[in-house]
Amino acid sequence: MNINQLMKQAKKMQAKMAELQAELEQKTVESSAGGGMVKVIANGKQEILSITIDPEVVNAEDIEMLQDLILAAVNDALRKAQEMVAEEMSKITGGLKIPGLF
């Protein structure tokens, strides 16, 4: 393979990755904690889009439990978002791990 072919492939991959980034902004994952009492939705950019809290779990005397549920749901949503990104990226890179991508 000569350098020109390699450069063309790199440009194609770069274009596909830019397209994928735009698509990932629109894709979401949902996570929950406490049996669904706290729900979190994140996108492929690993941004939290929403947090829903069931009013039953809101107890002024047990704020720590609510904080723990939110933390667990957010961390799980971010983990799922990272997995989604890695899966989509592997489709473009053929499973090749390229440092610095996402």
C-alpha atoms as a PDB file:
ATOM      1  CA  MET A   1       0.000   0.000   0.000  1.00  0.00           C
ATOM      2  CA  ASN A   2       1.457   3.355  -0.946  1.00  0.00           C
ATOM      3  CA  ILE A   3       1.236   6.591   1.021  1.00  0.00           C
ATOM      4  CA  ASN A   4      -1.502   8.063  -1.197  1.00  0.00           C
ATOM      5  CA  GLN A   5      -3.780   5.086  -0.597  1.00  0.00           C
ATOM      6  CA  LEU A   6      -3.063   5.296   3.113  1.00  0.00           C
ATOM      7  CA  MET A   7      -3.932   9.007   3.154  1.00  0.00           C
ATOM      8  CA  LYS A   8      -7.190   8.356   1.279  1.00  0.00           C
ATOM      9  CA  GLN A   9      -8.135   5.677   3.807  1.00  0.00           C
ATOM     10  CA  ALA A  10      -7.295   8.007   6.679  1.00  0.00           C
ATOM     11  CA  LYS A  11      -9.495  10.755   5.193  1.00  0.00           C
ATOM     12  CA  LYS A  12     -12.386   8.315   4.723  1.00  0.00           C
ATOM     13  CA  MET A  13     -12.051   7.144   8.316  1.00  0.00           C
ATOM     14  CA  GLN A  14     -11.896  10.749   9.529  1.00  0.00           C
ATOM     15  CA  ALA A  15     -15.093  11.586   7.622  1.00  0.00           C
ATOM     16  CA  LYS A  16     -16.838   8.512   9.022  1.00  0.00           C
ATOM     17  CA  MET A  17     -15.755   9.432  12.548  1.00  0.00           C
ATOM     18  CA  ALA A  18     -17.086  12.985  12.167  1.00  0.00           C
ATOM     19  CA  GLU A  19     -20.389  11.532  10.964  1.00  0.00           C
ATOM     20  CA  LEU A  20     -20.423   9.101  13.873  1.00  0.00           C
ATOM     21  CA  GLN A  21     -19.829  11.905  16.382  1.00  0.00           C
ATOM     22  CA  ALA A  22     -22.915  13.704  15.067  1.00  0.00           C
ATOM     23  CA  GLU A  23     -24.937  10.484  15.275  1.00  0.00           C
ATOM     24  CA  LEU A  24     -23.756   9.771  18.819  1.00  0.00           C
ATOM     25  CA  GLU A  25     -25.044  13.145  19.979  1.00  0.00           C
ATOM     26  CA  GLN A  26     -28.518  11.887  19.079  1.00  0.00           C
ATOM     27  CA  LYS A  27     -28.190   8.378  20.554  1.00  0.00           C
ATOM     28  CA  THR A  28     -29.064   7.922  24.201  1.00  0.00           C
ATOM     29  CA  VAL A  29     -28.723   5.352  26.947  1.00  0.00           C
ATOM     30  CA  GLU A  30     -30.843   5.073  30.073  1.00  0.00           C
ATOM     31  CA  SER A  31     -29.837   3.851  33.478  1.00  0.00           C
ATOM     32  CA  SER A  32     -31.687   3.549  36.740  1.00  0.00           C
ATOM     33  CA  ALA A  33     -31.025   2.883  40.399  1.00  0.00           C
ATOM     34  CA  GLY A  34     -33.176   1.944  43.352  1.00  0.00           C
ATOM     35  CA  GLY A  35     -35.478  -0.217  41.290  1.00  0.00           C
ATOM     36  CA  GLY A  36     -36.209   2.617  38.886  1.00  0.00           C
ATOM     37  CA  MET A  37     -36.643   5.297  41.544  1.00  0.00           C
ATOM     38  CA  VAL A  38     -33.869   7.367  39.908  1.00  0.00           C
ATOM     39  CA  LYS A  39     -33.490   7.361  36.121  1.00  0.00           C
ATOM     40  CA  VAL A  40     -30.737   9.025  34.123  1.00  0.00           C
ATOM     41  CA  ILE A  41     -30.475   9.524  30.369  1.00  0.00           C
ATOM     42  CA  ALA A  42     -27.104  10.276  28.758  1.00  0.00           C
ATOM     43  CA  ASN A  43     -26.086  10.761  25.136  1.00  0.00           C
ATOM     44  CA  GLY A  44     -23.139   9.511  23.116  1.00  0.00           C
ATOM     45  CA  LYS A  45     -21.187  12.643  23.992  1.00  0.00           C
ATOM     46  CA  GLN A  46     -21.395  11.410  27.583  1.00  0.00           C
ATOM     47  CA  GLU A  47     -23.586  14.311  28.616  1.00  0.00           C
ATOM     48  CA  ILE A  48     -26.380  13.816  31.117  1.00  0.00           C
ATOM     49  CA  LEU A  49     -29.601  14.852  29.388  1.00  0.00           C
ATOM     50  CA  SER A  50     -32.089  14.219  32.174  1.00  0.00           C
ATOM     51  CA  ILE A  51     -32.502  12.902  35.687  1.00  0.00           C
ATOM     52  CA  THR A  52     -35.920  11.731  36.872  1.00  0.00           C
ATOM     53  CA  ILE A  53     -36.549  11.132  40.569  1.00  0.00           C
ATOM     54  CA  ASP A  54     -39.630   9.323  41.828  1.00  0.00           C
ATOM     55  CA  PRO A  55     -41.205  11.521  44.536  1.00  0.00           C
ATOM     56  CA  GLU A  56     -41.420   8.479  46.832  1.00  0.00           C
ATOM     57  CA  VAL A  57     -37.636   8.400  47.195  1.00  0.00           C
ATOM     58  CA  VAL A  58     -37.438  12.050  48.270  1.00  0.00           C
ATOM     59  CA  ASN A  59     -37.128  11.995  52.043  1.00  0.00           C
ATOM     60  CA  ALA A  60     -35.630  14.983  53.829  1.00  0.00           C
ATOM     61  CA  GLU A  61     -34.392  12.688  56.591  1.00  0.00           C
ATOM     62  CA  ASP A  62     -32.521  10.384  54.205  1.00  0.00           C
ATOM     63  CA  ILE A  63     -30.829  12.656  51.679  1.00  0.00           C
ATOM     64  CA  GLU A  64     -27.747  10.398  51.622  1.00  0.00           C
ATOM     65  CA  MET A  65     -29.728   7.528  50.109  1.00  0.00           C
ATOM     66  CA  LEU A  66     -31.059   9.791  47.347  1.00  0.00           C
ATOM     67  CA  GLN A  67     -27.564  11.110  46.674  1.00  0.00           C
ATOM     68  CA  ASP A  68     -26.233   7.534  46.454  1.00  0.00           C
ATOM     69  CA  LEU A  69     -28.998   6.535  44.029  1.00  0.00           C
ATOM     70  CA  ILE A  70     -28.323   9.546  41.807  1.00  0.00           C
ATOM     71  CA  LEU A  71     -24.596   8.885  41.842  1.00  0.00           C
ATOM     72  CA  ALA A  72     -25.094   5.201  40.978  1.00  0.00           C
ATOM     73  CA  ALA A  73     -27.499   5.985  38.132  1.00  0.00           C
ATOM     74  CA  VAL A  74     -25.288   8.732  36.674  1.00  0.00           C
ATOM     75  CA  ASN A  75     -22.145   6.604  36.792  1.00  0.00           C
ATOM     76  CA  ASP A  76     -23.956   3.672  35.179  1.00  0.00           C
ATOM     77  CA  ALA A  77     -25.396   5.905  32.443  1.00  0.00           C
ATOM     78  CA  LEU A  78     -21.941   7.294  31.674  1.00  0.00           C
ATOM     79  CA  ARG A  79     -20.485   3.765  31.584  1.00  0.00           C
ATOM     80  CA  LYS A  80     -23.226   2.685  29.166  1.00  0.00           C
ATOM     81  CA  ALA A  81     -22.571   5.756  27.007  1.00  0.00           C
ATOM     82  CA  GLN A  82     -18.850   4.913  26.883  1.00  0.00           C
ATOM     83  CA  GLU A  83     -19.655   1.334  25.888  1.00  0.00           C
ATOM     84  CA  MET A  84     -22.006   2.571  23.155  1.00  0.00           C
ATOM     85  CA  VAL A  85     -19.308   4.894  21.791  1.00  0.00           C
ATOM     86  CA  ALA A  86     -16.676   2.133  21.881  1.00  0.00           C
ATOM     87  CA  GLU A  87     -19.001  -0.253  20.067  1.00  0.00           C
ATOM     88  CA  GLU A  88     -19.818   2.277  17.353  1.00  0.00           C
ATOM     89  CA  MET A  89     -16.154   3.241  16.964  1.00  0.00           C
ATOM     90  CA  SER A  90     -15.103  -0.384  16.565  1.00  0.00           C
ATOM     91  CA  LYS A  91     -17.428  -0.594  13.555  1.00  0.00           C
ATOM     92  CA  ILE A  92     -15.384   2.133  11.868  1.00  0.00           C
ATOM     93  CA  THR A  93     -11.928   1.086  13.025  1.00  0.00           C
ATOM     94  CA  GLY A  94     -12.517  -2.648  12.616  1.00  0.00           C
ATOM     95  CA  GLY A  95     -11.840  -3.172  16.309  1.00  0.00           C
ATOM     96  CA  LEU A  96      -8.482  -1.405  16.141  1.00  0.00           C
ATOM     97  CA  LYS A  97      -7.920   0.670  19.290  1.00  0.00           C
ATOM     98  CA  ILE A  98      -6.652   4.081  18.244  1.00  0.00           C
ATOM     99  CA  PRO A  99      -5.405   6.204  21.159  1.00  0.00           C
ATOM    100  CA  GLY A 100      -7.066   9.587  21.520  1.00  0.00           C
ATOM    101  CA  LEU A 101     -10.302   8.667  19.764  1.00  0.00           C
ATOM    102  CA  PHE A 102     -13.199   9.416  22.063  1.00  0.00           C
END
